[in-house]
Amino acid sequence: MRGVGKGLCLAASLLLACLAGPARAQLAAPCPVPDELKPDPAPLPAIKAKLAAGDEVRIVALGGGGTLGRAVPAGQAYPDRLAAWLQYGLPAARWQVINKGVVGDSTAAMVKRIHSEVLDLKPSLVLWETGTHEAAIGSNVEAFGEAVQSGIEALRAAKIDLILIDMQYSPRTSSVINFDPYLNALREVAEQNDVGVYDRYQLMHAWTDAGLFDFHTRDAAKRAEATRRIYDCVAAGLAQMIFADLK
């Protein structure tokens, strides 16, 4: 791909501009991100190599129900929306996002699926959403961190880029589940391994506090629309995080 450096820089700049301003008609406007919650660029050498060679960039979204997206219509889960945002930001590239979400999956089960399902797909990047199952049942925090570490090592050995995604926030679940130990453990393991983290929990908390989403409404249609928009906001944020490393 000729002039890949300039092309990626331009693409990243265009995407960041579109995320900050009005988006095209087919893409919903993303949610604002407070400065203190803007993620650091994730190191993505495998994606850079694929783009430089003009090859398809394959991304696997690994996770639980928040990845599968059963609460939204087909095509509206965050992996589907991410594919749209990536194609919007860099239309000359070929992007493929594969959804490997399984409702209720534990981190240990996801590590097994890394070996049995993900590695054979030879992705350039894995987006790994994890921790919800462990927090919900009060699993041992140390064992959770060790499982995440095992998954990181498996992906790193295969030279696959990784971005971790933490849990979802809602006032109701956060009032009965103590997410903090698992959020802290995930970030600690990520920092030890120089792995990027998309701080979905704090972002959703900020959006809720700002009144962007009403989790208390009993109107099913409004709840469904809020969920759909959250998925799109998460997808847009992940696209921004990916393109930030391509500047």
C-alpha atoms as a PDB file:
ATOM      1  CA  MET A   1       0.000   0.000   0.000  1.00  0.00           C
ATOM      2  CA  ARG A   2       1.763   3.132  -1.193  1.00  0.00           C
ATOM      3  CA  GLY A   3       2.058   6.050   1.166  1.00  0.00           C
ATOM      4  CA  VAL A   4       0.544   4.001   3.977  1.00  0.00           C
ATOM      5  CA  GLY A   5       1.907   6.282   6.711  1.00  0.00           C
ATOM      6  CA  LYS A   6       0.303   9.402   5.291  1.00  0.00           C
ATOM      7  CA  GLY A   7      -2.863   7.491   4.440  1.00  0.00           C
ATOM      8  CA  LEU A   8      -3.269   6.139   7.954  1.00  0.00           C
ATOM      9  CA  CYS A   9      -2.595   9.526   9.479  1.00  0.00           C
ATOM     10  CA  LEU A  10      -5.200  11.105   7.235  1.00  0.00           C
ATOM     11  CA  ALA A  11      -7.688   8.326   7.949  1.00  0.00           C
ATOM     12  CA  ALA A  12      -7.189   8.677  11.681  1.00  0.00           C
ATOM     13  CA  SER A  13      -7.626  12.429  11.462  1.00  0.00           C
ATOM     14  CA  LEU A  14     -10.810  12.052   9.432  1.00  0.00           C
ATOM     15  CA  LEU A  15     -12.253   9.528  11.846  1.00  0.00           C
ATOM     16  CA  LEU A  16     -11.465  11.663  14.860  1.00  0.00           C
ATOM     17  CA  ALA A  17     -13.069  14.618  13.114  1.00  0.00           C
ATOM     18  CA  CYS A  18     -16.202  12.650  12.278  1.00  0.00           C
ATOM     19  CA  LEU A  19     -16.463  11.412  15.843  1.00  0.00           C
ATOM     20  CA  ALA A  20     -16.233  14.967  17.120  1.00  0.00           C
ATOM     21  CA  GLY A  21     -18.741  16.398  14.656  1.00  0.00           C
ATOM     22  CA  PRO A  22     -21.821  15.371  12.680  1.00  0.00           C
ATOM     23  CA  ALA A  23     -21.627  11.833  11.316  1.00  0.00           C
ATOM     24  CA  ARG A  24     -22.994  10.562   8.033  1.00  0.00           C
ATOM     25  CA  ALA A  25     -26.698   9.765   7.961  1.00  0.00           C
ATOM     26  CA  GLN A  26     -26.250   6.004   8.352  1.00  0.00           C
ATOM     27  CA  LEU A  27     -24.085   6.357  11.478  1.00  0.00           C
ATOM     28  CA  ALA A  28     -25.497   7.613  14.756  1.00  0.00           C
ATOM     29  CA  ALA A  29     -23.641  10.448  16.469  1.00  0.00           C
ATOM     30  CA  PRO A  30     -21.397   8.962  19.184  1.00  0.00           C
ATOM     31  CA  CYS A  31     -21.487   9.870  22.857  1.00  0.00           C
ATOM     32  CA  PRO A  32     -19.118  12.536  24.198  1.00  0.00           C
ATOM     33  CA  VAL A  33     -16.043  11.265  26.020  1.00  0.00           C
ATOM     34  CA  PRO A  34     -14.730  13.275  29.003  1.00  0.00           C
ATOM     35  CA  ASP A  35     -11.051  14.160  28.679  1.00  0.00           C
ATOM     36  CA  GLU A  36     -10.134  12.145  31.763  1.00  0.00           C
ATOM     37  CA  LEU A  37     -11.682   9.011  30.243  1.00  0.00           C
ATOM     38  CA  LYS A  38     -10.143   9.220  26.794  1.00  0.00           C
ATOM     39  CA  PRO A  39      -8.216   5.942  26.357  1.00  0.00           C
ATOM     40  CA  ASP A  40      -4.525   5.843  25.608  1.00  0.00           C
ATOM     41  CA  PRO A  41      -3.677   4.484  22.149  1.00  0.00           C
ATOM     42  CA  ALA A  42      -3.275   0.712  22.196  1.00  0.00           C
ATOM     43  CA  PRO A  43      -0.123  -0.749  20.589  1.00  0.00           C
ATOM     44  CA  LEU A  44      -1.373  -2.439  17.410  1.00  0.00           C
ATOM     45  CA  PRO A  45       1.622  -3.633  15.351  1.00  0.00           C
ATOM     46  CA  ALA A  46      -0.292  -6.509  13.705  1.00  0.00           C
ATOM     47  CA  ILE A  47      -2.979  -4.170  12.347  1.00  0.00           C
ATOM     48  CA  LYS A  48      -0.332  -1.768  11.059  1.00  0.00           C
ATOM     49  CA  ALA A  49       1.422  -4.606   9.247  1.00  0.00           C
ATOM     50  CA  LYS A  50      -1.810  -5.795   7.603  1.00  0.00           C
ATOM     51  CA  LEU A  51      -2.703  -2.296   6.448  1.00  0.00           C
ATOM     52  CA  ALA A  52       0.812  -1.699   5.130  1.00  0.00           C
ATOM     53  CA  ALA A  53       0.571  -4.902   3.079  1.00  0.00           C
ATOM     54  CA  GLY A  54      -2.909  -4.054   1.798  1.00  0.00           C
ATOM     55  CA  ASP A  55      -4.335  -7.185   3.433  1.00  0.00           C
ATOM     56  CA  GLU A  56      -7.703  -7.619   5.107  1.00  0.00           C
ATOM     57  CA  VAL A  57      -7.728  -6.712   8.792  1.00  0.00           C
ATOM     58  CA  ARG A  58      -9.583  -9.390  10.744  1.00  0.00           C
ATOM     59  CA  ILE A  59     -10.793  -8.558  14.240  1.00  0.00           C
ATOM     60  CA  VAL A  60     -12.367 -11.003  16.687  1.00  0.00           C
ATOM     61  CA  ALA A  61     -14.713  -9.673  19.381  1.00  0.00           C
ATOM     62  CA  LEU A  62     -14.528 -12.146  22.263  1.00  0.00           C
ATOM     63  CA  GLY A  63     -16.857 -11.821  25.229  1.00  0.00           C
ATOM     64  CA  GLY A  64     -20.193 -12.517  26.835  1.00  0.00           C
ATOM     65  CA  GLY A  65     -23.703 -11.225  26.303  1.00  0.00           C
ATOM     66  CA  GLY A  66     -22.495  -7.626  25.976  1.00  0.00           C
ATOM     67  CA  THR A  67     -20.521  -8.690  22.917  1.00  0.00           C
ATOM     68  CA  LEU A  68     -23.121 -11.025  21.439  1.00  0.00           C
ATOM     69  CA  GLY A  69     -25.706  -8.252  21.570  1.00  0.00           C
ATOM     70  CA  ARG A  70     -28.868 -10.273  22.059  1.00  0.00           C
ATOM     71  CA  ALA A  71     -30.556  -7.171  23.550  1.00  0.00           C
ATOM     72  CA  VAL A  72     -30.449  -5.355  20.200  1.00  0.00           C
ATOM     73  CA  PRO A  73     -31.654  -6.198  16.670  1.00  0.00           C
ATOM     74  CA  ALA A  74     -29.391  -8.129  14.316  1.00  0.00           C
ATOM     75  CA  GLY A  75     -26.581  -5.965  12.997  1.00  0.00           C
ATOM     76  CA  GLN A  76     -26.651  -3.573  15.959  1.00  0.00           C
ATOM     77  CA  ALA A  77     -24.268  -5.312  18.382  1.00  0.00           C
ATOM     78  CA  TYR A  78     -21.077  -3.397  19.012  1.00  0.00           C
ATOM     79  CA  PRO A  79     -18.927  -5.630  16.724  1.00  0.00           C
ATOM     80  CA  ASP A  80     -21.279  -4.887  13.802  1.00  0.00           C
ATOM     81  CA  ARG A  81     -21.216  -1.175  14.525  1.00  0.00           C
ATOM     82  CA  LEU A  82     -17.433  -1.249  14.918  1.00  0.00           C
ATOM     83  CA  ALA A  83     -17.092  -2.678  11.407  1.00  0.00           C
ATOM     84  CA  ALA A  84     -19.181   0.234  10.119  1.00  0.00           C
ATOM     85  CA  TRP A  85     -17.108   2.843  11.960  1.00  0.00           C
ATOM     86  CA  LEU A  86     -13.814   1.328  10.784  1.00  0.00           C
ATOM     87  CA  GLN A  87     -14.987   1.218   7.180  1.00  0.00           C
ATOM     88  CA  TYR A  88     -16.138   4.815   7.530  1.00  0.00           C
ATOM     89  CA  GLY A  89     -12.761   5.937   8.871  1.00  0.00           C
ATOM     90  CA  LEU A  90     -10.601   4.003   6.421  1.00  0.00           C
ATOM     91  CA  PRO A  91     -12.759   2.939   3.450  1.00  0.00           C
ATOM     92  CA  ALA A  92      -9.779   1.903   1.332  1.00  0.00           C
ATOM     93  CA  ALA A  93      -8.971  -0.892   3.793  1.00  0.00           C
ATOM     94  CA  ARG A  94     -10.752  -4.219   4.129  1.00  0.00           C
ATOM     95  CA  TRP A  95     -12.165  -4.847   7.592  1.00  0.00           C
ATOM     96  CA  GLN A  96     -13.776  -7.983   9.014  1.00  0.00           C
ATOM     97  CA  VAL A  97     -15.146  -8.111  12.570  1.00  0.00           C
ATOM     98  CA  ILE A  98     -16.181 -11.550  13.833  1.00  0.00           C
ATOM     99  CA  ASN A  99     -18.514 -11.760  16.823  1.00  0.00           C
ATOM    100  CA  LYS A 100     -17.526 -14.475  19.296  1.00  0.00           C
ATOM    101  CA  GLY A 101     -19.796 -13.463  22.163  1.00  0.00           C
ATOM    102  CA  VAL A 102     -21.348 -16.181  24.330  1.00  0.00           C
ATOM    103  CA  VAL A 103     -23.910 -15.270  27.007  1.00  0.00           C
ATOM    104  CA  GLY A 104     -22.679 -16.029  30.531  1.00  0.00           C
ATOM    105  CA  ASP A 105     -19.190 -17.101  29.468  1.00  0.00           C
ATOM    106  CA  SER A 106     -16.548 -17.025  32.190  1.00  0.00           C
ATOM    107  CA  THR A 107     -13.050 -15.704  31.657  1.00  0.00           C
ATOM    108  CA  ALA A 108     -11.630 -19.231  31.987  1.00  0.00           C
ATOM    109  CA  ALA A 109     -14.054 -20.441  29.312  1.00  0.00           C
ATOM    110  CA  MET A 110     -13.021 -17.574  27.050  1.00  0.00           C
ATOM    111  CA  VAL A 111      -9.363 -18.525  27.447  1.00  0.00           C
ATOM    112  CA  LYS A 112     -10.270 -22.025  26.277  1.00  0.00           C
ATOM    113  CA  ARG A 113     -12.090 -20.507  23.304  1.00  0.00           C
ATOM    114  CA  ILE A 114      -9.018 -18.448  22.462  1.00  0.00           C
ATOM    115  CA  HIS A 115      -7.225 -21.737  21.880  1.00  0.00           C
ATOM    116  CA  SER A 116     -10.113 -23.658  20.289  1.00  0.00           C
ATOM    117  CA  GLU A 117     -11.759 -20.934  18.181  1.00  0.00           C
ATOM    118  CA  VAL A 118      -9.879 -17.649  18.011  1.00  0.00           C
ATOM    119  CA  LEU A 119      -6.303 -18.611  17.132  1.00  0.00           C
ATOM    120  CA  ASP A 120      -7.387 -20.585  14.068  1.00  0.00           C
ATOM    121  CA  LEU A 121      -9.088 -17.456  12.684  1.00  0.00           C
ATOM    122  CA  LYS A 122      -5.682 -15.705  12.621  1.00  0.00           C
ATOM    123  CA  PRO A 123      -7.007 -12.272  13.578  1.00  0.00           C
ATOM    124  CA  SER A 124      -4.856  -9.168  13.715  1.00  0.00           C
ATOM    125  CA  LEU A 125      -6.711  -7.929  16.791  1.00  0.00           C
ATOM    126  CA  VAL A 126      -8.833  -9.424  19.557  1.00  0.00           C
ATOM    127  CA  LEU A 127     -11.236  -7.239  21.516  1.00  0.00           C
ATOM    128  CA  TRP A 128     -11.735  -9.120  24.767  1.00  0.00           C
ATOM    129  CA  GLU A 129     -14.689  -8.136  26.954  1.00  0.00           C
ATOM    130  CA  THR A 130     -14.484  -9.931  30.281  1.00  0.00           C
ATOM    131  CA  GLY A 131     -15.092  -9.822  34.020  1.00  0.00           C
ATOM    132  CA  THR A 132     -18.884  -9.613  34.183  1.00  0.00           C
ATOM    133  CA  HIS A 133     -19.425 -13.301  34.977  1.00  0.00           C
ATOM    134  CA  GLU A 134     -16.807 -13.274  37.737  1.00  0.00           C
ATOM    135  CA  ALA A 135     -18.166 -10.107  39.350  1.00  0.00           C
ATOM    136  CA  ALA A 136     -21.743 -11.399  39.214  1.00  0.00           C
ATOM    137  CA  ILE A 137     -20.942 -14.611  41.105  1.00  0.00           C
ATOM    138  CA  GLY A 138     -18.165 -13.200  43.301  1.00  0.00           C
ATOM    139  CA  SER A 139     -15.361 -15.323  41.899  1.00  0.00           C
ATOM    140  CA  ASN A 140     -11.871 -15.232  43.339  1.00  0.00           C
ATOM    141  CA  VAL A 141     -10.292 -12.012  42.075  1.00  0.00           C
ATOM    142  CA  GLU A 142      -6.773 -13.431  41.929  1.00  0.00           C
ATOM    143  CA  ALA A 143      -7.946 -16.378  39.834  1.00  0.00           C
ATOM    144  CA  PHE A 144      -9.699 -13.940  37.513  1.00  0.00           C
ATOM    145  CA  GLY A 145      -6.487 -11.979  37.016  1.00  0.00           C
ATOM    146  CA  GLU A 146      -4.543 -15.183  36.375  1.00  0.00           C
ATOM    147  CA  ALA A 147      -7.048 -16.252  33.720  1.00  0.00           C
ATOM    148  CA  VAL A 148      -6.755 -12.889  31.965  1.00  0.00           C
ATOM    149  CA  GLN A 149      -2.970 -13.204  32.097  1.00  0.00           C
ATOM    150  CA  SER A 150      -3.189 -16.653  30.506  1.00  0.00           C
ATOM    151  CA  GLY A 151      -5.281 -15.291  27.660  1.00  0.00           C
ATOM    152  CA  ILE A 152      -2.912 -12.392  27.097  1.00  0.00           C
ATOM    153  CA  GLU A 153       0.038 -14.753  26.885  1.00  0.00           C
ATOM    154  CA  ALA A 154      -1.735 -16.992  24.362  1.00  0.00           C
ATOM    155  CA  LEU A 155      -2.574 -14.066  22.094  1.00  0.00           C
ATOM    156  CA  ARG A 156       0.848 -12.500  22.455  1.00  0.00           C
ATOM    157  CA  ALA A 157       2.548 -15.785  21.536  1.00  0.00           C
ATOM    158  CA  ALA A 158       0.493 -15.759  18.328  1.00  0.00           C
ATOM    159  CA  LYS A 159       1.468 -12.117  17.673  1.00  0.00           C
ATOM    160  CA  ILE A 160      -2.156 -10.969  17.882  1.00  0.00           C
ATOM    161  CA  ASP A 161      -2.935  -7.438  19.061  1.00  0.00           C
ATOM    162  CA  LEU A 162      -5.270  -7.089  22.034  1.00  0.00           C
ATOM    163  CA  ILE A 163      -7.602  -4.527  23.573  1.00  0.00           C
ATOM    164  CA  LEU A 164      -9.370  -5.453  26.800  1.00  0.00           C
ATOM    165  CA  ILE A 165     -12.907  -4.191  27.465  1.00  0.00           C
ATOM    166  CA  ASP A 166     -14.187  -4.005  31.006  1.00  0.00           C
ATOM    167  CA  MET A 167     -17.725  -4.461  32.290  1.00  0.00           C
ATOM    168  CA  GLN A 168     -20.915  -2.593  31.482  1.00  0.00           C
ATOM    169  CA  TYR A 169     -22.392  -0.111  33.945  1.00  0.00           C
ATOM    170  CA  SER A 170     -25.976   0.350  34.980  1.00  0.00           C
ATOM    171  CA  PRO A 171     -27.265   1.809  38.264  1.00  0.00           C
ATOM    172  CA  ARG A 172     -29.288  -1.321  38.985  1.00  0.00           C
ATOM    173  CA  THR A 173     -26.537  -3.910  38.556  1.00  0.00           C
ATOM    174  CA  SER A 174     -23.900  -1.738  40.215  1.00  0.00           C
ATOM    175  CA  SER A 175     -26.088  -1.437  43.295  1.00  0.00           C
ATOM    176  CA  VAL A 176     -26.004  -5.199  43.857  1.00  0.00           C
ATOM    177  CA  ILE A 177     -22.670  -6.269  42.305  1.00  0.00           C
ATOM    178  CA  ASN A 178     -19.269  -5.048  43.498  1.00  0.00           C
ATOM    179  CA  PHE A 179     -17.400  -4.579  40.235  1.00  0.00           C
ATOM    180  CA  ASP A 180     -14.475  -2.614  41.680  1.00  0.00           C
ATOM    181  CA  PRO A 181     -12.115  -5.518  42.554  1.00  0.00           C
ATOM    182  CA  TYR A 182     -12.505  -6.980  39.060  1.00  0.00           C
ATOM    183  CA  LEU A 183     -12.136  -3.622  37.325  1.00  0.00           C
ATOM    184  CA  ASN A 184      -8.946  -3.012  39.288  1.00  0.00           C
ATOM    185  CA  ALA A 185      -7.601  -6.500  38.601  1.00  0.00           C
ATOM    186  CA  LEU A 186      -8.250  -6.176  34.869  1.00  0.00           C
ATOM    187  CA  ARG A 187      -6.490  -2.833  34.677  1.00  0.00           C
ATOM    188  CA  GLU A 188      -3.560  -4.084  36.764  1.00  0.00           C
ATOM    189  CA  VAL A 189      -2.972  -7.062  34.478  1.00  0.00           C
ATOM    190  CA  ALA A 190      -3.319  -4.822  31.420  1.00  0.00           C
ATOM    191  CA  GLU A 191      -0.751  -2.343  32.735  1.00  0.00           C
ATOM    192  CA  GLN A 192       1.690  -5.123  33.571  1.00  0.00           C
ATOM    193  CA  ASN A 193       1.467  -6.356  29.979  1.00  0.00           C
ATOM    194  CA  ASP A 194       1.219  -3.008  28.150  1.00  0.00           C
ATOM    195  CA  VAL A 195      -2.250  -3.874  26.858  1.00  0.00           C
ATOM    196  CA  GLY A 196      -4.845  -1.227  26.047  1.00  0.00           C
ATOM    197  CA  VAL A 197      -8.118  -1.122  28.003  1.00  0.00           C
ATOM    198  CA  TYR A 198     -11.372   0.399  26.804  1.00  0.00           C
ATOM    199  CA  ASP A 199     -12.929   1.726  30.034  1.00  0.00           C
ATOM    200  CA  ARG A 200     -16.525   0.967  29.142  1.00  0.00           C
ATOM    201  CA  TYR A 201     -17.703   0.878  32.769  1.00  0.00           C
ATOM    202  CA  GLN A 202     -16.607   4.426  33.618  1.00  0.00           C
ATOM    203  CA  LEU A 203     -17.738   5.772  30.251  1.00  0.00           C
ATOM    204  CA  MET A 204     -21.231   4.339  30.674  1.00  0.00           C
ATOM    205  CA  HIS A 205     -21.267   5.697  34.229  1.00  0.00           C
ATOM    206  CA  ALA A 206     -20.383   9.166  32.919  1.00  0.00           C
ATOM    207  CA  TRP A 207     -22.994   9.005  30.150  1.00  0.00           C
ATOM    208  CA  THR A 208     -25.631   7.948  32.674  1.00  0.00           C
ATOM    209  CA  ASP A 209     -24.698  10.711  35.121  1.00  0.00           C
ATOM    210  CA  ALA A 210     -24.911  13.220  32.256  1.00  0.00           C
ATOM    211  CA  GLY A 211     -28.469  12.080  31.545  1.00  0.00           C
ATOM    212  CA  LEU A 212     -27.732  10.655  28.105  1.00  0.00           C
ATOM    213  CA  PHE A 213     -29.420   7.358  28.982  1.00  0.00           C
ATOM    214  CA  ASP A 214     -32.354   6.628  31.243  1.00  0.00           C
ATOM    215  CA  PHE A 215     -31.948   3.185  32.747  1.00  0.00           C
ATOM    216  CA  HIS A 216     -34.962   3.674  34.997  1.00  0.00           C
ATOM    217  CA  THR A 217     -37.586   4.064  32.276  1.00  0.00           C
ATOM    218  CA  ARG A 218     -40.262   1.396  32.032  1.00  0.00           C
ATOM    219  CA  ASP A 219     -40.813   2.161  28.373  1.00  0.00           C
ATOM    220  CA  ALA A 220     -39.491  -0.909  26.532  1.00  0.00           C
ATOM    221  CA  ALA A 221     -38.953   0.988  23.279  1.00  0.00           C
ATOM    222  CA  LYS A 222     -36.888   3.671  25.042  1.00  0.00           C
ATOM    223  CA  ARG A 223     -34.798   1.055  26.835  1.00  0.00           C
ATOM    224  CA  ALA A 224     -34.159  -0.743  23.561  1.00  0.00           C
ATOM    225  CA  GLU A 225     -33.125   2.479  21.835  1.00  0.00           C
ATOM    226  CA  ALA A 226     -30.813   3.380  24.726  1.00  0.00           C
ATOM    227  CA  THR A 227     -29.152  -0.028  24.516  1.00  0.00           C
ATOM    228  CA  ARG A 228     -28.740   0.267  20.748  1.00  0.00           C
ATOM    229  CA  ARG A 229     -27.143   3.688  21.076  1.00  0.00           C
ATOM    230  CA  ILE A 230     -24.794   2.560  23.847  1.00  0.00           C
ATOM    231  CA  TYR A 231     -23.540  -0.220  21.573  1.00  0.00           C
ATOM    232  CA  ASP A 232     -22.929   2.317  18.830  1.00  0.00           C
ATOM    233  CA  CYS A 233     -21.122   4.659  21.229  1.00  0.00           C
ATOM    234  CA  VAL A 234     -18.893   1.819  22.414  1.00  0.00           C
ATOM    235  CA  ALA A 235     -18.142   0.855  18.801  1.00  0.00           C
ATOM    236  CA  ALA A 236     -17.286   4.445  17.888  1.00  0.00           C
ATOM    237  CA  GLY A 237     -15.011   4.720  20.922  1.00  0.00           C
ATOM    238  CA  LEU A 238     -13.189   1.523  20.034  1.00  0.00           C
ATOM    239  CA  ALA A 239     -12.724   2.713  16.458  1.00  0.00           C
ATOM    240  CA  GLN A 240     -11.288   5.950  17.777  1.00  0.00           C
ATOM    241  CA  MET A 241      -8.929   3.995  20.054  1.00  0.00           C
ATOM    242  CA  ILE A 242      -7.760   1.844  17.133  1.00  0.00           C
ATOM    243  CA  PHE A 243      -7.195   4.761  14.800  1.00  0.00           C
ATOM    244  CA  ALA A 244      -5.367   6.755  17.479  1.00  0.00           C
ATOM    245  CA  ASP A 245      -2.495   4.242  17.240  1.00  0.00           C
ATOM    246  CA  LEU A 246      -2.380   4.582  13.450  1.00  0.00           C
ATOM    247  CA  LYS A 247      -1.534   8.284  13.445  1.00  0.00           C
END
